[in-house]
Amino acid sequence: MLYYDTEMQQLFKQLGLNDDPDSIDDFIEQNKIYTHELHIADAPCWSKSQSDFLRESIYYDSKWSDSIDELDIILRN
């Protein structure tokens, strides 16, 4: 299990996902992104509203953008 800071847990909560560390680990293992051409918001694991949230958060450099960038890196490793 990786260590997740409270910001990552809050991001999962904001996305409507389980935010406990075991659930985050499971999500990451089940939803790896294997191509660098795929934008995180376009990954098939997201609903339309989750995808829109991710895209807008990155575009507007919202308070979530750092956590989204971190999640993007984790999903690709």
PDB file of N, CA and C in Angstrom:
ATOM      1  N   MET A   1       0.848  -1.179   0.000  1.00  0.00           N
ATOM      2  CA  MET A   1       0.000   0.000   0.000  1.00  0.00           C
ATOM      3  C   MET A   1       0.891   1.238   0.000  1.00  0.00           C
ATOM      4  N   LEU A   2       0.561   2.153  -0.863  1.00  0.00           N
ATOM      5  CA  LEU A   2       1.257   3.432  -0.895  1.00  0.00           C
ATOM      6  C   LEU A   2       0.698   4.348   0.177  1.00  0.00           C
ATOM      7  N   TYR A   3       1.481   5.344   0.529  1.00  0.00           N
ATOM      8  CA  TYR A   3       0.992   6.357   1.466  1.00  0.00           C
ATOM      9  C   TYR A   3       0.303   7.447   0.653  1.00  0.00           C
ATOM     10  N   TYR A   4      -0.895   7.802   1.043  1.00  0.00           N
ATOM     11  CA  TYR A   4      -1.632   8.872   0.367  1.00  0.00           C
ATOM     12  C   TYR A   4      -1.881  10.000   1.351  1.00  0.00           C
ATOM     13  N   ASP A   5      -1.530  11.205   0.945  1.00  0.00           N
ATOM     14  CA  ASP A   5      -1.793  12.347   1.813  1.00  0.00           C
ATOM     15  C   ASP A   5      -3.286  12.663   1.805  1.00  0.00           C
ATOM     16  N   THR A   6      -3.671  13.525   2.701  1.00  0.00           N
ATOM     17  CA  THR A   6      -5.097  13.844   2.826  1.00  0.00           C
ATOM     18  C   THR A   6      -5.633  14.515   1.562  1.00  0.00           C
ATOM     19  N   GLU A   7      -4.786  15.220   0.827  1.00  0.00           N
ATOM     20  CA  GLU A   7      -5.249  15.851  -0.413  1.00  0.00           C
ATOM     21  C   GLU A   7      -5.659  14.807  -1.446  1.00  0.00           C
ATOM     22  N   MET A   8      -4.910  13.710  -1.544  1.00  0.00           N
ATOM     23  CA  MET A   8      -5.279  12.644  -2.481  1.00  0.00           C
ATOM     24  C   MET A   8      -6.577  11.984  -2.020  1.00  0.00           C
ATOM     25  N   GLN A   9      -6.703  11.770  -0.737  1.00  0.00           N
ATOM     26  CA  GLN A   9      -7.937  11.181  -0.221  1.00  0.00           C
ATOM     27  C   GLN A   9      -9.118  12.120  -0.473  1.00  0.00           C
ATOM     28  N   GLN A  10      -8.910  13.407  -0.326  1.00  0.00           N
ATOM     29  CA  GLN A  10      -9.975  14.379  -0.590  1.00  0.00           C
ATOM     30  C   GLN A  10     -10.345  14.408  -2.072  1.00  0.00           C
ATOM     31  N   LEU A  11      -9.353  14.245  -2.940  1.00  0.00           N
ATOM     32  CA  LEU A  11      -9.636  14.187  -4.376  1.00  0.00           C
ATOM     33  C   LEU A  11     -10.539  12.993  -4.681  1.00  0.00           C
ATOM     34  N   PHE A  12     -10.219  11.844  -4.122  1.00  0.00           N
ATOM     35  CA  PHE A  12     -11.059  10.666  -4.347  1.00  0.00           C
ATOM     36  C   PHE A  12     -12.467  10.900  -3.813  1.00  0.00           C
ATOM     37  N   LYS A  13     -12.553  11.540  -2.678  1.00  0.00           N
ATOM     38  CA  LYS A  13     -13.870  11.856  -2.117  1.00  0.00           C
ATOM     39  C   LYS A  13     -14.622  12.807  -3.047  1.00  0.00           C
ATOM     40  N   GLN A  14     -13.938  13.822  -3.559  1.00  0.00           N
ATOM     41  CA  GLN A  14     -14.544  14.787  -4.480  1.00  0.00           C
ATOM     42  C   GLN A  14     -15.048  14.095  -5.748  1.00  0.00           C
ATOM     43  N   LEU A  15     -14.331  13.065  -6.171  1.00  0.00           N
ATOM     44  CA  LEU A  15     -14.718  12.313  -7.362  1.00  0.00           C
ATOM     45  C   LEU A  15     -15.828  11.300  -7.075  1.00  0.00           C
ATOM     46  N   GLY A  16     -16.224  11.206  -5.813  1.00  0.00           N
ATOM     47  CA  GLY A  16     -17.284  10.272  -5.445  1.00  0.00           C
ATOM     48  C   GLY A  16     -16.799   8.840  -5.294  1.00  0.00           C
ATOM     49  N   LEU A  17     -15.502   8.686  -5.071  1.00  0.00           N
ATOM     50  CA  LEU A  17     -14.898   7.365  -4.923  1.00  0.00           C
ATOM     51  C   LEU A  17     -14.557   7.113  -3.461  1.00  0.00           C
ATOM     52  N   ASN A  18     -14.411   5.840  -3.111  1.00  0.00           N
ATOM     53  CA  ASN A  18     -13.971   5.511  -1.754  1.00  0.00           C
ATOM     54  C   ASN A  18     -12.596   6.109  -1.532  1.00  0.00           C
ATOM     55  N   ASP A  19     -12.398   6.738  -0.385  1.00  0.00           N
ATOM     56  CA  ASP A  19     -11.168   7.489  -0.164  1.00  0.00           C
ATOM     57  C   ASP A  19     -10.245   6.890   0.888  1.00  0.00           C
ATOM     58  N   ASP A  20     -10.512   5.656   1.322  1.00  0.00           N
ATOM     59  CA  ASP A  20      -9.582   5.028   2.263  1.00  0.00           C
ATOM     60  C   ASP A  20      -8.392   4.476   1.467  1.00  0.00           C
ATOM     61  N   PRO A  21      -7.216   4.366   2.096  1.00  0.00           N
ATOM     62  CA  PRO A  21      -6.005   3.957   1.370  1.00  0.00           C
ATOM     63  C   PRO A  21      -6.133   2.633   0.616  1.00  0.00           C
ATOM     64  N   ASP A  22      -6.793   1.639   1.188  1.00  0.00           N
ATOM     65  CA  ASP A  22      -6.945   0.358   0.488  1.00  0.00           C
ATOM     66  C   ASP A  22      -7.775   0.517  -0.785  1.00  0.00           C
ATOM     67  N   SER A  23      -8.832   1.309  -0.715  1.00  0.00           N
ATOM     68  CA  SER A  23      -9.672   1.542  -1.897  1.00  0.00           C
ATOM     69  C   SER A  23      -8.918   2.321  -2.964  1.00  0.00           C
ATOM     70  N   ILE A  24      -8.108   3.277  -2.550  1.00  0.00           N
ATOM     71  CA  ILE A  24      -7.294   4.031  -3.510  1.00  0.00           C
ATOM     72  C   ILE A  24      -6.310   3.088  -4.195  1.00  0.00           C
ATOM     73  N   ASP A  25      -5.651   2.222  -3.420  1.00  0.00           N
ATOM     74  CA  ASP A  25      -4.741   1.228  -4.002  1.00  0.00           C
ATOM     75  C   ASP A  25      -5.457   0.359  -5.026  1.00  0.00           C
ATOM     76  N   ASP A  26      -6.627  -0.134  -4.657  1.00  0.00           N
ATOM     77  CA  ASP A  26      -7.397  -0.989  -5.568  1.00  0.00           C
ATOM     78  C   ASP A  26      -7.748  -0.245  -6.850  1.00  0.00           C
ATOM     79  N   PHE A  27      -8.189   1.004  -6.714  1.00  0.00           N
ATOM     80  CA  PHE A  27      -8.542   1.801  -7.889  1.00  0.00           C
ATOM     81  C   PHE A  27      -7.332   1.951  -8.806  1.00  0.00           C
ATOM     82  N   ILE A  28      -6.192   2.271  -8.239  1.00  0.00           N
ATOM     83  CA  ILE A  28      -4.983   2.484  -9.033  1.00  0.00           C
ATOM     84  C   ILE A  28      -4.572   1.202  -9.745  1.00  0.00           C
ATOM     85  N   GLU A  29      -4.607   0.086  -9.047  1.00  0.00           N
ATOM     86  CA  GLU A  29      -4.227  -1.188  -9.661  1.00  0.00           C
ATOM     87  C   GLU A  29      -5.172  -1.585 -10.789  1.00  0.00           C
ATOM     88  N   GLN A  30      -6.435  -1.252 -10.665  1.00  0.00           N
ATOM     89  CA  GLN A  30      -7.434  -1.650 -11.658  1.00  0.00           C
ATOM     90  C   GLN A  30      -7.547  -0.674 -12.828  1.00  0.00           C
ATOM     91  N   ASN A  31      -6.932   0.504 -12.707  1.00  0.00           N
ATOM     92  CA  ASN A  31      -7.145   1.548 -13.720  1.00  0.00           C
ATOM     93  C   ASN A  31      -5.852   2.178 -14.218  1.00  0.00           C
ATOM     94  N   LYS A  32      -4.814   1.373 -14.358  1.00  0.00           N
ATOM     95  CA  LYS A  32      -3.543   1.884 -14.863  1.00  0.00           C
ATOM     96  C   LYS A  32      -3.727   2.476 -16.259  1.00  0.00           C
ATOM     97  N   ILE A  33      -2.965   3.512 -16.542  1.00  0.00           N
ATOM     98  CA  ILE A  33      -2.939   4.136 -17.867  1.00  0.00           C
ATOM     99  C   ILE A  33      -1.604   3.750 -18.500  1.00  0.00           C
ATOM    100  N   TYR A  34      -1.672   3.019 -19.608  1.00  0.00           N
ATOM    101  CA  TYR A  34      -0.458   2.474 -20.210  1.00  0.00           C
ATOM    102  C   TYR A  34       0.060   3.267 -21.401  1.00  0.00           C
ATOM    103  N   THR A  35      -0.625   4.302 -21.787  1.00  0.00           N
ATOM    104  CA  THR A  35      -0.158   5.108 -22.909  1.00  0.00           C
ATOM    105  C   THR A  35      -0.043   6.566 -22.475  1.00  0.00           C
ATOM    106  N   HIS A  36       1.028   7.194 -22.905  1.00  0.00           N
ATOM    107  CA  HIS A  36       1.231   8.597 -22.536  1.00  0.00           C
ATOM    108  C   HIS A  36       0.386   9.543 -23.381  1.00  0.00           C
ATOM    109  N   GLU A  37      -0.179   9.043 -24.467  1.00  0.00           N
ATOM    110  CA  GLU A  37      -1.008   9.883 -25.321  1.00  0.00           C
ATOM    111  C   GLU A  37      -2.391  10.135 -24.724  1.00  0.00           C
ATOM    112  N   LEU A  38      -2.804   9.294 -23.789  1.00  0.00           N
ATOM    113  CA  LEU A  38      -4.135   9.409 -23.199  1.00  0.00           C
ATOM    114  C   LEU A  38      -4.130  10.426 -22.057  1.00  0.00           C
ATOM    115  N   HIS A  39      -4.952  11.444 -22.175  1.00  0.00           N
ATOM    116  CA  HIS A  39      -5.107  12.434 -21.107  1.00  0.00           C
ATOM    117  C   HIS A  39      -5.821  11.773 -19.940  1.00  0.00           C
ATOM    118  N   ILE A  40      -5.429  12.086 -18.725  1.00  0.00           N
ATOM    119  CA  ILE A  40      -6.035  11.446 -17.555  1.00  0.00           C
ATOM    120  C   ILE A  40      -7.560  11.567 -17.561  1.00  0.00           C
ATOM    121  N   ALA A  41      -8.077  12.680 -18.015  1.00  0.00           N
ATOM    122  CA  ALA A  41      -9.532  12.880 -18.020  1.00  0.00           C
ATOM    123  C   ALA A  41     -10.232  11.992 -19.047  1.00  0.00           C
ATOM    124  N   ASP A  42      -9.475  11.449 -20.005  1.00  0.00           N
ATOM    125  CA  ASP A  42     -10.050  10.587 -21.033  1.00  0.00           C
ATOM    126  C   ASP A  42      -9.933   9.100 -20.703  1.00  0.00           C
ATOM    127  N   ALA A  43      -9.378   8.778 -19.554  1.00  0.00           N
ATOM    128  CA  ALA A  43      -9.256   7.372 -19.166  1.00  0.00           C
ATOM    129  C   ALA A  43     -10.650   6.760 -19.030  1.00  0.00           C
ATOM    130  N   PRO A  44     -10.802   5.507 -19.430  1.00  0.00           N
ATOM    131  CA  PRO A  44     -12.134   4.888 -19.439  1.00  0.00           C
ATOM    132  C   PRO A  44     -12.741   4.648 -18.059  1.00  0.00           C
ATOM    133  N   CYS A  45     -11.987   4.831 -17.012  1.00  0.00           N
ATOM    134  CA  CYS A  45     -12.496   4.560 -15.663  1.00  0.00           C
ATOM    135  C   CYS A  45     -13.405   5.663 -15.127  1.00  0.00           C
ATOM    136  N   TRP A  46     -13.431   6.816 -15.777  1.00  0.00           N
ATOM    137  CA  TRP A  46     -14.198   7.949 -15.256  1.00  0.00           C
ATOM    138  C   TRP A  46     -15.588   8.036 -15.872  1.00  0.00           C
ATOM    139  N   SER A  47     -16.519   8.502 -15.066  1.00  0.00           N
ATOM    140  CA  SER A  47     -17.831   8.870 -15.601  1.00  0.00           C
ATOM    141  C   SER A  47     -17.671  10.209 -16.330  1.00  0.00           C
ATOM    142  N   LYS A  48     -18.691  10.621 -17.049  1.00  0.00           N
ATOM    143  CA  LYS A  48     -18.623  11.914 -17.749  1.00  0.00           C
ATOM    144  C   LYS A  48     -18.402  13.053 -16.770  1.00  0.00           C
ATOM    145  N   SER A  49     -19.107  13.046 -15.651  1.00  0.00           N
ATOM    146  CA  SER A  49     -18.958  14.146 -14.688  1.00  0.00           C
ATOM    147  C   SER A  49     -17.572  14.133 -14.047  1.00  0.00           C
ATOM    148  N   GLN A  50     -17.021  12.963 -13.774  1.00  0.00           N
ATOM    149  CA  GLN A  50     -15.668  12.888 -13.227  1.00  0.00           C
ATOM    150  C   GLN A  50     -14.657  13.387 -14.254  1.00  0.00           C
ATOM    151  N   SER A  51     -14.832  12.977 -15.487  1.00  0.00           N
ATOM    152  CA  SER A  51     -13.944  13.417 -16.558  1.00  0.00           C
ATOM    153  C   SER A  51     -13.999  14.933 -16.732  1.00  0.00           C
ATOM    154  N   ASP A  52     -15.191  15.486 -16.729  1.00  0.00           N
ATOM    155  CA  ASP A  52     -15.350  16.943 -16.840  1.00  0.00           C
ATOM    156  C   ASP A  52     -14.676  17.653 -15.674  1.00  0.00           C
ATOM    157  N   PHE A  53     -14.855  17.125 -14.479  1.00  0.00           N
ATOM    158  CA  PHE A  53     -14.232  17.719 -13.292  1.00  0.00           C
ATOM    159  C   PHE A  53     -12.710  17.722 -13.426  1.00  0.00           C
ATOM    160  N   LEU A  54     -12.135  16.601 -13.824  1.00  0.00           N
ATOM    161  CA  LEU A  54     -10.680  16.511 -13.971  1.00  0.00           C
ATOM    162  C   LEU A  54     -10.177  17.492 -15.022  1.00  0.00           C
ATOM    163  N   ARG A  55     -10.834  17.512 -16.170  1.00  0.00           N
ATOM    164  CA  ARG A  55     -10.411  18.393 -17.263  1.00  0.00           C
ATOM    165  C   ARG A  55     -10.489  19.871 -16.852  1.00  0.00           C
ATOM    166  N   GLU A  56     -11.603  20.264 -16.243  1.00  0.00           N
ATOM    167  CA  GLU A  56     -11.777  21.661 -15.831  1.00  0.00           C
ATOM    168  C   GLU A  56     -10.816  22.039 -14.708  1.00  0.00           C
ATOM    169  N   SER A  57     -10.569  21.130 -13.796  1.00  0.00           N
ATOM    170  CA  SER A  57      -9.646  21.415 -12.694  1.00  0.00           C
ATOM    171  C   SER A  57      -8.244  21.672 -13.205  1.00  0.00           C
ATOM    172  N   ILE A  58      -7.831  20.887 -14.194  1.00  0.00           N
ATOM    173  CA  ILE A  58      -6.507  21.091 -14.780  1.00  0.00           C
ATOM    174  C   ILE A  58      -6.484  22.385 -15.593  1.00  0.00           C
ATOM    175  N   TYR A  59      -7.494  22.599 -16.411  1.00  0.00           N
ATOM    176  CA  TYR A  59      -7.550  23.781 -17.268  1.00  0.00           C
ATOM    177  C   TYR A  59      -7.498  25.074 -16.455  1.00  0.00           C
ATOM    178  N   TYR A  60      -8.261  25.116 -15.369  1.00  0.00           N
ATOM    179  CA  TYR A  60      -8.333  26.328 -14.549  1.00  0.00           C
ATOM    180  C   TYR A  60      -7.315  26.342 -13.417  1.00  0.00           C
ATOM    181  N   ASP A  61      -6.430  25.345 -13.396  1.00  0.00           N
ATOM    182  CA  ASP A  61      -5.399  25.254 -12.362  1.00  0.00           C
ATOM    183  C   ASP A  61      -6.018  25.418 -10.967  1.00  0.00           C
ATOM    184  N   SER A  62      -7.045  24.632 -10.725  1.00  0.00           N
ATOM    185  CA  SER A  62      -7.773  24.717  -9.457  1.00  0.00           C
ATOM    186  C   SER A  62      -6.954  24.121  -8.319  1.00  0.00           C
ATOM    187  N   LYS A  63      -7.508  24.180  -7.134  1.00  0.00           N
ATOM    188  CA  LYS A  63      -6.812  23.638  -5.961  1.00  0.00           C
ATOM    189  C   LYS A  63      -6.592  22.133  -6.088  1.00  0.00           C
ATOM    190  N   TRP A  64      -7.313  21.483  -6.994  1.00  0.00           N
ATOM    191  CA  TRP A  64      -7.189  20.040  -7.182  1.00  0.00           C
ATOM    192  C   TRP A  64      -6.093  19.676  -8.181  1.00  0.00           C
ATOM    193  N   SER A  65      -5.566  20.622  -8.913  1.00  0.00           N
ATOM    194  CA  SER A  65      -4.674  20.291 -10.031  1.00  0.00           C
ATOM    195  C   SER A  65      -3.409  19.558  -9.587  1.00  0.00           C
ATOM    196  N   ASP A  66      -2.829  19.907  -8.458  1.00  0.00           N
ATOM    197  CA  ASP A  66      -1.630  19.200  -7.993  1.00  0.00           C
ATOM    198  C   ASP A  66      -1.940  17.744  -7.662  1.00  0.00           C
ATOM    199  N   SER A  67      -3.053  17.507  -7.004  1.00  0.00           N
ATOM    200  CA  SER A  67      -3.434  16.129  -6.673  1.00  0.00           C
ATOM    201  C   SER A  67      -3.767  15.335  -7.928  1.00  0.00           C
ATOM    202  N   ILE A  68      -4.391  15.979  -8.901  1.00  0.00           N
ATOM    203  CA  ILE A  68      -4.695  15.307 -10.166  1.00  0.00           C
ATOM    204  C   ILE A  68      -3.403  14.963 -10.896  1.00  0.00           C
ATOM    205  N   ASP A  69      -2.441  15.876 -10.904  1.00  0.00           N
ATOM    206  CA  ASP A  69      -1.143  15.594 -11.521  1.00  0.00           C
ATOM    207  C   ASP A  69      -0.460  14.416 -10.828  1.00  0.00           C
ATOM    208  N   GLU A  70      -0.529  14.391  -9.507  1.00  0.00           N
ATOM    209  CA  GLU A  70       0.063  13.290  -8.749  1.00  0.00           C
ATOM    210  C   GLU A  70      -0.631  11.966  -9.098  1.00  0.00           C
ATOM    211  N   LEU A  71      -1.954  11.980  -9.157  1.00  0.00           N
ATOM    212  CA  LEU A  71      -2.699  10.777  -9.516  1.00  0.00           C
ATOM    213  C   LEU A  71      -2.339  10.329 -10.929  1.00  0.00           C
ATOM    214  N   ASP A  72      -2.191  11.261 -11.840  1.00  0.00           N
ATOM    215  CA  ASP A  72      -1.810  10.948 -13.214  1.00  0.00           C
ATOM    216  C   ASP A  72      -0.479  10.198 -13.238  1.00  0.00           C
ATOM    217  N   ILE A  73       0.480  10.677 -12.493  1.00  0.00           N
ATOM    218  CA  ILE A  73       1.798  10.028 -12.429  1.00  0.00           C
ATOM    219  C   ILE A  73       1.674   8.625 -11.849  1.00  0.00           C
ATOM    220  N   ILE A  74       0.921   8.495 -10.768  1.00  0.00           N
ATOM    221  CA  ILE A  74       0.757   7.188 -10.118  1.00  0.00           C
ATOM    222  C   ILE A  74       0.077   6.199 -11.060  1.00  0.00           C
ATOM    223  N   LEU A  75      -0.950   6.644 -11.779  1.00  0.00           N
ATOM    224  CA  LEU A  75      -1.666   5.744 -12.685  1.00  0.00           C
ATOM    225  C   LEU A  75      -0.796   5.283 -13.851  1.00  0.00           C
ATOM    226  N   ARG A  76       0.247   6.034 -14.169  1.00  0.00           N
ATOM    227  CA  ARG A  76       1.116   5.681 -15.296  1.00  0.00           C
ATOM    228  C   ARG A  76       2.343   4.877 -14.874  1.00  0.00           C
ATOM    229  N   ASN A  77       2.551   4.702 -13.587  1.00  0.00           N
ATOM    230  CA  ASN A  77       3.720   3.938 -13.100  1.00  0.00           C
ATOM    231  C   ASN A  77       3.341   2.537 -12.710  1.00  0.00           C
TER     232      ASN A  77
END
